[in-house]
């Protein structure tokens, strides 16, 4: 039995980390694993439980072929380890927190992936980004103005979840996607 990749993505401030934590705490003993991201960002920055790498260490690991997926965004490098291939080979559904701009490349490597796009109303995104306190008002506005279009091949399965409201509704929608994957 071969597993499946669930490629989770959405704009900054949409609540991806909160939704992933919600799902992680509720999937129980199902065959769903959540991959950590390797990021050239300090530990604890951004609220995400990630593995921090220096630029040099990231480049070394990339050169050794230790990333199944990798991309750059907002001045940082992101990677998903090759361990996900072993997990899927053993029949697990693997959830990765990806990038909308990298979706096409991820789908090329994993054609059977399920793409899950999380979104929220622009006013909700603006309030969440401002509440994080990591960016100036101008930086928040610039981030909101930069909407990455989703470029999907016709055969890529796409699920969209609106996270404008409470976590329960969006969280249960995500759990339904994971259970069906």
C-alpha atoms as a PDB file:
ATOM      1  CA  UNK A   1       0.000   0.000   0.000  1.00  0.00           C
ATOM      2  CA  UNK A   2       1.344   3.398  -0.926  1.00  0.00           C
ATOM      3  CA  UNK A   3       0.609   6.524   1.085  1.00  0.00           C
ATOM      4  CA  UNK A   4      -0.432   9.936  -0.080  1.00  0.00           C
ATOM      5  CA  UNK A   5       0.946  13.455   0.253  1.00  0.00           C
ATOM      6  CA  UNK A   6      -1.308  16.231   1.531  1.00  0.00           C
ATOM      7  CA  UNK A   7       0.241  19.544   0.484  1.00  0.00           C
ATOM      8  CA  UNK A   8      -1.025  22.225   2.889  1.00  0.00           C
ATOM      9  CA  UNK A   9      -0.646  25.900   1.911  1.00  0.00           C
ATOM     10  CA  UNK A  10      -2.056  29.398   2.243  1.00  0.00           C
ATOM     11  CA  UNK A  11      -1.099  33.022   2.768  1.00  0.00           C
ATOM     12  CA  UNK A  12       0.678  34.284   5.864  1.00  0.00           C
ATOM     13  CA  UNK A  13      -1.718  34.964   8.714  1.00  0.00           C
ATOM     14  CA  UNK A  14      -4.355  32.512   7.535  1.00  0.00           C
ATOM     15  CA  UNK A  15      -3.787  30.249  10.552  1.00  0.00           C
ATOM     16  CA  UNK A  16      -1.942  27.323   8.995  1.00  0.00           C
ATOM     17  CA  UNK A  17       0.051  26.513  12.133  1.00  0.00           C
ATOM     18  CA  UNK A  18      -3.088  26.679  14.291  1.00  0.00           C
ATOM     19  CA  UNK A  19      -4.991  24.378  11.918  1.00  0.00           C
ATOM     20  CA  UNK A  20      -2.105  21.921  11.704  1.00  0.00           C
ATOM     21  CA  UNK A  21      -1.887  21.806  15.511  1.00  0.00           C
ATOM     22  CA  UNK A  22      -5.662  21.278  15.715  1.00  0.00           C
ATOM     23  CA  UNK A  23      -5.465  18.340  13.295  1.00  0.00           C
ATOM     24  CA  UNK A  24      -2.303  16.880  14.841  1.00  0.00           C
ATOM     25  CA  UNK A  25      -3.988  16.784  18.257  1.00  0.00           C
ATOM     26  CA  UNK A  26      -7.081  15.022  16.890  1.00  0.00           C
ATOM     27  CA  UNK A  27      -6.012  12.473  14.263  1.00  0.00           C
ATOM     28  CA  UNK A  28      -5.454   9.888  16.968  1.00  0.00           C
ATOM     29  CA  UNK A  29      -3.915   6.620  15.853  1.00  0.00           C
ATOM     30  CA  UNK A  30      -4.716   7.108  12.185  1.00  0.00           C
ATOM     31  CA  UNK A  31      -2.015   6.640   9.568  1.00  0.00           C
ATOM     32  CA  UNK A  32      -1.360  10.389   9.237  1.00  0.00           C
ATOM     33  CA  UNK A  33       2.080  11.907   9.875  1.00  0.00           C
ATOM     34  CA  UNK A  34       2.994  15.598   9.904  1.00  0.00           C
ATOM     35  CA  UNK A  35       6.386  16.474   8.455  1.00  0.00           C
ATOM     36  CA  UNK A  36       8.561  19.114  10.088  1.00  0.00           C
ATOM     37  CA  UNK A  37       9.996  21.804   7.869  1.00  0.00           C
ATOM     38  CA  UNK A  38      13.701  22.613   7.830  1.00  0.00           C
ATOM     39  CA  UNK A  39      13.946  26.420   7.731  1.00  0.00           C
ATOM     40  CA  UNK A  40      16.736  28.979   7.840  1.00  0.00           C
ATOM     41  CA  UNK A  41      14.805  30.834  10.566  1.00  0.00           C
ATOM     42  CA  UNK A  42      15.600  31.038  14.265  1.00  0.00           C
ATOM     43  CA  UNK A  43      13.837  28.552  16.566  1.00  0.00           C
ATOM     44  CA  UNK A  44      10.621  29.892  18.029  1.00  0.00           C
ATOM     45  CA  UNK A  45      10.322  32.597  15.363  1.00  0.00           C
ATOM     46  CA  UNK A  46       7.027  32.406  13.536  1.00  0.00           C
ATOM     47  CA  UNK A  47       5.209  30.094  15.925  1.00  0.00           C
ATOM     48  CA  UNK A  48       5.944  27.003  13.847  1.00  0.00           C
ATOM     49  CA  UNK A  49       7.625  23.946  15.322  1.00  0.00           C
ATOM     50  CA  UNK A  50      10.388  23.693  12.730  1.00  0.00           C
ATOM     51  CA  UNK A  51      13.973  22.514  12.515  1.00  0.00           C
ATOM     52  CA  UNK A  52      16.300  25.500  12.334  1.00  0.00           C
ATOM     53  CA  UNK A  53      19.255  25.316   9.955  1.00  0.00           C
ATOM     54  CA  UNK A  54      21.923  27.870   9.118  1.00  0.00           C
ATOM     55  CA  UNK A  55      22.212  28.883   5.468  1.00  0.00           C
ATOM     56  CA  UNK A  56      25.391  26.802   5.155  1.00  0.00           C
ATOM     57  CA  UNK A  57      23.821  23.712   6.710  1.00  0.00           C
ATOM     58  CA  UNK A  58      20.770  24.053   4.464  1.00  0.00           C
ATOM     59  CA  UNK A  59      22.963  24.274   1.349  1.00  0.00           C
ATOM     60  CA  UNK A  60      24.980  21.255   2.494  1.00  0.00           C
ATOM     61  CA  UNK A  61      21.855  19.148   3.099  1.00  0.00           C
ATOM     62  CA  UNK A  62      20.378  20.230  -0.225  1.00  0.00           C
ATOM     63  CA  UNK A  63      23.605  19.254  -1.984  1.00  0.00           C
ATOM     64  CA  UNK A  64      23.470  15.825  -0.334  1.00  0.00           C
ATOM     65  CA  UNK A  65      19.932  15.268  -1.628  1.00  0.00           C
ATOM     66  CA  UNK A  66      18.363  15.235   1.833  1.00  0.00           C
ATOM     67  CA  UNK A  67      15.295  17.285   0.857  1.00  0.00           C
ATOM     68  CA  UNK A  68      12.327  15.822  -0.984  1.00  0.00           C
ATOM     69  CA  UNK A  69      11.009  19.366  -1.499  1.00  0.00           C
ATOM     70  CA  UNK A  70      12.712  22.737  -1.099  1.00  0.00           C
ATOM     71  CA  UNK A  71      12.022  26.367  -1.947  1.00  0.00           C
ATOM     72  CA  UNK A  72      12.877  29.939  -0.987  1.00  0.00           C
ATOM     73  CA  UNK A  73      10.441  32.558   0.267  1.00  0.00           C
ATOM     74  CA  UNK A  74      10.668  35.810   2.229  1.00  0.00           C
ATOM     75  CA  UNK A  75      14.468  35.596   2.343  1.00  0.00           C
ATOM     76  CA  UNK A  76      14.487  32.139   3.933  1.00  0.00           C
ATOM     77  CA  UNK A  77      15.017  28.599   2.660  1.00  0.00           C
ATOM     78  CA  UNK A  78      12.492  25.857   3.368  1.00  0.00           C
ATOM     79  CA  UNK A  79      12.887  22.109   3.010  1.00  0.00           C
ATOM     80  CA  UNK A  80      10.923  18.929   3.593  1.00  0.00           C
ATOM     81  CA  UNK A  81      13.136  15.932   4.383  1.00  0.00           C
ATOM     82  CA  UNK A  82      13.362  12.794   2.294  1.00  0.00           C
ATOM     83  CA  UNK A  83      11.943  10.845   5.234  1.00  0.00           C
ATOM     84  CA  UNK A  84       8.485  11.582   3.803  1.00  0.00           C
ATOM     85  CA  UNK A  85       9.229   9.193   0.927  1.00  0.00           C
ATOM     86  CA  UNK A  86       9.858   6.344   3.386  1.00  0.00           C
ATOM     87  CA  UNK A  87       6.683   7.212   5.299  1.00  0.00           C
ATOM     88  CA  UNK A  88       4.553   7.170   2.140  1.00  0.00           C
ATOM     89  CA  UNK A  89       6.204   3.928   0.987  1.00  0.00           C
ATOM     90  CA  UNK A  90       4.914   2.409   4.239  1.00  0.00           C
ATOM     91  CA  UNK A  91       1.359   3.573   3.508  1.00  0.00           C
ATOM     92  CA  UNK A  92       1.136   6.725   5.613  1.00  0.00           C
ATOM     93  CA  UNK A  93      -0.650   9.914   4.614  1.00  0.00           C
ATOM     94  CA  UNK A  94       1.959  12.654   5.011  1.00  0.00           C
ATOM     95  CA  UNK A  95       1.019  16.284   5.606  1.00  0.00           C
ATOM     96  CA  UNK A  96       3.501  18.979   4.591  1.00  0.00           C
ATOM     97  CA  UNK A  97       3.240  22.721   5.066  1.00  0.00           C
ATOM     98  CA  UNK A  98       4.201  23.924   1.595  1.00  0.00           C
ATOM     99  CA  UNK A  99       4.310  27.062  -0.506  1.00  0.00           C
ATOM    100  CA  UNK A 100       1.645  28.097  -3.002  1.00  0.00           C
ATOM    101  CA  UNK A 101       4.387  29.201  -5.407  1.00  0.00           C
ATOM    102  CA  UNK A 102       6.023  25.747  -5.225  1.00  0.00           C
ATOM    103  CA  UNK A 103       2.855  23.672  -5.703  1.00  0.00           C
ATOM    104  CA  UNK A 104       3.553  22.891  -9.367  1.00  0.00           C
ATOM    105  CA  UNK A 105       6.985  21.463  -8.608  1.00  0.00           C
ATOM    106  CA  UNK A 106       5.607  19.444  -5.677  1.00  0.00           C
ATOM    107  CA  UNK A 107       2.848  18.030  -7.897  1.00  0.00           C
ATOM    108  CA  UNK A 108       5.459  17.069 -10.509  1.00  0.00           C
ATOM    109  CA  UNK A 109       7.305  14.979  -7.921  1.00  0.00           C
ATOM    110  CA  UNK A 110       4.129  13.654  -6.241  1.00  0.00           C
ATOM    111  CA  UNK A 111       1.420  13.579  -8.941  1.00  0.00           C
ATOM    112  CA  UNK A 112      -1.189  12.001  -6.649  1.00  0.00           C
ATOM    113  CA  UNK A 113      -0.903  14.706  -3.971  1.00  0.00           C
ATOM    114  CA  UNK A 114      -3.944  16.398  -2.508  1.00  0.00           C
ATOM    115  CA  UNK A 115      -3.509  20.170  -2.365  1.00  0.00           C
ATOM    116  CA  UNK A 116      -5.242  21.902   0.554  1.00  0.00           C
ATOM    117  CA  UNK A 117      -5.476  25.676   0.262  1.00  0.00           C
ATOM    118  CA  UNK A 118      -6.355  27.569   3.423  1.00  0.00           C
ATOM    119  CA  UNK A 119      -7.673  31.086   2.950  1.00  0.00           C
ATOM    120  CA  UNK A 120      -9.496  33.796   4.887  1.00  0.00           C
ATOM    121  CA  UNK A 121     -11.117  37.134   4.142  1.00  0.00           C
ATOM    122  CA  UNK A 122      -8.549  39.927   3.600  1.00  0.00           C
ATOM    123  CA  UNK A 123      -9.699  41.858   6.677  1.00  0.00           C
ATOM    124  CA  UNK A 124      -9.194  38.750   8.836  1.00  0.00           C
ATOM    125  CA  UNK A 125      -5.711  38.230   7.368  1.00  0.00           C
ATOM    126  CA  UNK A 126      -4.809  41.879   8.010  1.00  0.00           C
ATOM    127  CA  UNK A 127      -5.897  41.666  11.650  1.00  0.00           C
ATOM    128  CA  UNK A 128      -4.012  38.416  12.232  1.00  0.00           C
ATOM    129  CA  UNK A 129      -0.825  39.709  10.621  1.00  0.00           C
ATOM    130  CA  UNK A 130      -0.990  42.920  12.662  1.00  0.00           C
ATOM    131  CA  UNK A 131      -1.563  40.946  15.871  1.00  0.00           C
ATOM    132  CA  UNK A 132       1.613  38.913  15.277  1.00  0.00           C
ATOM    133  CA  UNK A 133       3.632  42.110  15.589  1.00  0.00           C
ATOM    134  CA  UNK A 134       6.443  40.872  13.346  1.00  0.00           C
ATOM    135  CA  UNK A 135       5.922  43.375  10.542  1.00  0.00           C
ATOM    136  CA  UNK A 136       5.200  47.060  10.123  1.00  0.00           C
ATOM    137  CA  UNK A 137       1.830  48.185   8.820  1.00  0.00           C
ATOM    138  CA  UNK A 138       3.377  48.807   5.382  1.00  0.00           C
ATOM    139  CA  UNK A 139       4.899  45.324   5.354  1.00  0.00           C
ATOM    140  CA  UNK A 140       1.520  43.825   6.267  1.00  0.00           C
ATOM    141  CA  UNK A 141      -0.139  45.738   3.434  1.00  0.00           C
ATOM    142  CA  UNK A 142       2.549  44.625   0.982  1.00  0.00           C
ATOM    143  CA  UNK A 143       2.088  41.016   2.072  1.00  0.00           C
ATOM    144  CA  UNK A 144      -1.683  41.267   1.573  1.00  0.00           C
ATOM    145  CA  UNK A 145      -1.219  42.818  -1.880  1.00  0.00           C
ATOM    146  CA  UNK A 146       0.952  39.914  -2.986  1.00  0.00           C
ATOM    147  CA  UNK A 147      -1.555  37.201  -3.815  1.00  0.00           C
ATOM    148  CA  UNK A 148       0.130  34.167  -5.332  1.00  0.00           C
ATOM    149  CA  UNK A 149      -2.162  32.608  -7.936  1.00  0.00           C
ATOM    150  CA  UNK A 150      -2.709  28.889  -7.666  1.00  0.00           C
ATOM    151  CA  UNK A 151      -1.494  27.227 -10.838  1.00  0.00           C
ATOM    152  CA  UNK A 152      -2.877  23.699 -10.883  1.00  0.00           C
ATOM    153  CA  UNK A 153      -2.788  20.965 -13.451  1.00  0.00           C
ATOM    154  CA  UNK A 154      -6.237  19.557 -14.149  1.00  0.00           C
ATOM    155  CA  UNK A 155      -5.395  16.268 -12.423  1.00  0.00           C
ATOM    156  CA  UNK A 156      -4.317  17.804  -9.080  1.00  0.00           C
ATOM    157  CA  UNK A 157      -6.945  17.372  -6.378  1.00  0.00           C
ATOM    158  CA  UNK A 158      -7.623  20.687  -4.621  1.00  0.00           C
ATOM    159  CA  UNK A 159      -9.515  21.250  -1.391  1.00  0.00           C
ATOM    160  CA  UNK A 160     -10.139  24.807  -0.184  1.00  0.00           C
ATOM    161  CA  UNK A 161     -10.864  25.619   3.463  1.00  0.00           C
ATOM    162  CA  UNK A 162     -12.021  29.057   4.615  1.00  0.00           C
ATOM    163  CA  UNK A 163     -10.459  29.897   7.986  1.00  0.00           C
ATOM    164  CA  UNK A 164     -12.127  33.277   8.450  1.00  0.00           C
ATOM    165  CA  UNK A 165     -14.114  32.131  11.473  1.00  0.00           C
ATOM    166  CA  UNK A 166     -13.451  29.908  14.447  1.00  0.00           C
ATOM    167  CA  UNK A 167     -10.897  27.134  14.487  1.00  0.00           C
ATOM    168  CA  UNK A 168     -13.461  24.368  15.043  1.00  0.00           C
ATOM    169  CA  UNK A 169     -15.145  24.680  11.639  1.00  0.00           C
ATOM    170  CA  UNK A 170     -11.950  24.936   9.601  1.00  0.00           C
ATOM    171  CA  UNK A 171     -10.227  22.329  11.780  1.00  0.00           C
ATOM    172  CA  UNK A 172     -12.960  19.756  11.260  1.00  0.00           C
ATOM    173  CA  UNK A 173     -12.918  20.473   7.516  1.00  0.00           C
ATOM    174  CA  UNK A 174      -9.186  19.728   7.515  1.00  0.00           C
ATOM    175  CA  UNK A 175      -9.700  16.518   9.487  1.00  0.00           C
ATOM    176  CA  UNK A 176     -12.291  15.408   6.920  1.00  0.00           C
ATOM    177  CA  UNK A 177      -9.736  15.944   4.121  1.00  0.00           C
ATOM    178  CA  UNK A 178      -7.079  13.985   6.019  1.00  0.00           C
ATOM    179  CA  UNK A 179      -9.429  11.095   6.708  1.00  0.00           C
ATOM    180  CA  UNK A 180     -10.396  10.865   3.048  1.00  0.00           C
ATOM    181  CA  UNK A 181      -6.818  11.111   1.711  1.00  0.00           C
END
